[in-house]
Amino acid sequence: MTEQEFHNYFHKNILPIIATEYEKNGIPDRTARRERFNNEVDYFQKQGTITEEQAASWCISDYLENTLYWL
């Protein structure tokens, strides 16, 4: 899995969950997004989907952290 594929996965599959749980007011919950991003990267690394090097170097992008999900 490439970093871009992971970011696409996160946007499509994880942001809707975060928005439903933590962003009912429409404001991005940056803390929740960062925490979930790191947890997902860790999970993918432990499952062998990405390497340890990939997991150590990937960071949440400004787009995923700051963009209103519903736009």
C-alpha atoms as a PDB file:
ATOM      1  CA  MET A   1       0.000   0.000   0.000  1.00  0.00           C
ATOM      2  CA  THR A   2       1.308   3.426  -0.874  1.00  0.00           C
ATOM      3  CA  GLU A   3       0.959   6.477   1.325  1.00  0.00           C
ATOM      4  CA  GLN A   4      -1.541   7.989  -1.124  1.00  0.00           C
ATOM      5  CA  GLU A   5      -3.636   4.818  -1.067  1.00  0.00           C
ATOM      6  CA  PHE A   6      -3.658   4.948   2.715  1.00  0.00           C
ATOM      7  CA  HIS A   7      -4.721   8.612   2.691  1.00  0.00           C
ATOM      8  CA  ASN A   8      -7.533   7.762   0.275  1.00  0.00           C
ATOM      9  CA  TYR A   9      -8.605   4.873   2.514  1.00  0.00           C
ATOM     10  CA  PHE A  10      -8.574   7.138   5.559  1.00  0.00           C
ATOM     11  CA  HIS A  11     -10.641   9.820   3.804  1.00  0.00           C
ATOM     12  CA  LYS A  12     -13.202   7.357   2.471  1.00  0.00           C
ATOM     13  CA  ASN A  13     -13.522   4.962   5.411  1.00  0.00           C
ATOM     14  CA  ILE A  14     -12.370   6.673   8.592  1.00  0.00           C
ATOM     15  CA  LEU A  15     -13.331  10.344   8.287  1.00  0.00           C
ATOM     16  CA  PRO A  16     -17.049   9.516   8.098  1.00  0.00           C
ATOM     17  CA  ILE A  17     -16.757   7.692  11.428  1.00  0.00           C
ATOM     18  CA  ILE A  18     -14.886  10.576  13.056  1.00  0.00           C
ATOM     19  CA  ALA A  19     -17.335  13.116  11.646  1.00  0.00           C
ATOM     20  CA  THR A  20     -20.297  11.177  13.009  1.00  0.00           C
ATOM     21  CA  GLU A  21     -18.774  10.691  16.441  1.00  0.00           C
ATOM     22  CA  TYR A  22     -16.883  13.932  17.091  1.00  0.00           C
ATOM     23  CA  GLU A  23     -17.738  16.594  14.512  1.00  0.00           C
ATOM     24  CA  LYS A  24     -21.478  17.100  14.815  1.00  0.00           C
ATOM     25  CA  ASN A  25     -20.850  20.854  14.954  1.00  0.00           C
ATOM     26  CA  GLY A  26     -19.078  20.715  11.576  1.00  0.00           C
ATOM     27  CA  ILE A  27     -15.685  21.700  12.973  1.00  0.00           C
ATOM     28  CA  PRO A  28     -12.841  19.249  12.302  1.00  0.00           C
ATOM     29  CA  ASP A  29     -11.688  17.524  15.488  1.00  0.00           C
ATOM     30  CA  ARG A  30      -7.976  17.559  14.757  1.00  0.00           C
ATOM     31  CA  THR A  31      -7.095  15.605  17.881  1.00  0.00           C
ATOM     32  CA  ALA A  32      -9.498  12.785  17.032  1.00  0.00           C
ATOM     33  CA  ARG A  33      -8.261  12.704  13.450  1.00  0.00           C
ATOM     34  CA  ARG A  34      -4.585  12.567  14.448  1.00  0.00           C
ATOM     35  CA  GLU A  35      -5.214   9.865  17.040  1.00  0.00           C
ATOM     36  CA  ARG A  36      -7.215   7.710  14.632  1.00  0.00           C
ATOM     37  CA  PHE A  37      -4.679   8.238  11.842  1.00  0.00           C
ATOM     38  CA  ASN A  38      -1.845   7.038  14.069  1.00  0.00           C
ATOM     39  CA  ASN A  39      -3.908   4.083  15.279  1.00  0.00           C
ATOM     40  CA  GLU A  40      -4.749   3.064  11.711  1.00  0.00           C
ATOM     41  CA  VAL A  41      -1.112   3.328  10.592  1.00  0.00           C
ATOM     42  CA  ASP A  42      -0.088   1.215  13.576  1.00  0.00           C
ATOM     43  CA  TYR A  43      -2.769  -1.373  12.807  1.00  0.00           C
ATOM     44  CA  PHE A  44      -1.769  -1.614   9.141  1.00  0.00           C
ATOM     45  CA  GLN A  45       1.872  -2.035  10.116  1.00  0.00           C
ATOM     46  CA  LYS A  46       1.090  -4.775  12.643  1.00  0.00           C
ATOM     47  CA  GLN A  47      -1.029  -6.581  10.043  1.00  0.00           C
ATOM     48  CA  GLY A  48       1.849  -6.457   7.552  1.00  0.00           C
ATOM     49  CA  THR A  49       0.008  -4.250   5.063  1.00  0.00           C
ATOM     50  CA  ILE A  50       2.711  -1.579   5.340  1.00  0.00           C
ATOM     51  CA  THR A  51       6.300  -1.784   6.477  1.00  0.00           C
ATOM     52  CA  GLU A  52       7.731  -0.466   9.720  1.00  0.00           C
ATOM     53  CA  GLU A  53       9.618   2.164   7.708  1.00  0.00           C
ATOM     54  CA  GLN A  54       6.409   3.354   6.074  1.00  0.00           C
ATOM     55  CA  ALA A  55       4.639   3.526   9.432  1.00  0.00           C
ATOM     56  CA  ALA A  56       7.476   5.545  10.936  1.00  0.00           C
ATOM     57  CA  SER A  57       7.543   8.082   8.116  1.00  0.00           C
ATOM     58  CA  TRP A  58       3.850   8.696   7.371  1.00  0.00           C
ATOM     59  CA  CYS A  59       2.150  11.728   8.898  1.00  0.00           C
ATOM     60  CA  ILE A  60      -1.382  12.996   8.609  1.00  0.00           C
ATOM     61  CA  SER A  61      -1.649  15.519   5.801  1.00  0.00           C
ATOM     62  CA  ASP A  62      -2.984  19.028   6.345  1.00  0.00           C
ATOM     63  CA  TYR A  63      -5.830  18.116   4.014  1.00  0.00           C
ATOM     64  CA  LEU A  64      -6.995  15.248   6.198  1.00  0.00           C
ATOM     65  CA  GLU A  65      -6.456  17.151   9.398  1.00  0.00           C
ATOM     66  CA  ASN A  66      -8.140  20.442   8.526  1.00  0.00           C
ATOM     67  CA  THR A  67     -10.709  19.925   5.775  1.00  0.00           C
ATOM     68  CA  LEU A  68     -14.358  19.884   6.704  1.00  0.00           C
ATOM     69  CA  TYR A  69     -15.451  16.355   5.946  1.00  0.00           C
ATOM     70  CA  TRP A  70     -18.888  17.137   4.587  1.00  0.00           C
ATOM     71  CA  LEU A  71     -17.636  19.528   1.904  1.00  0.00           C
END
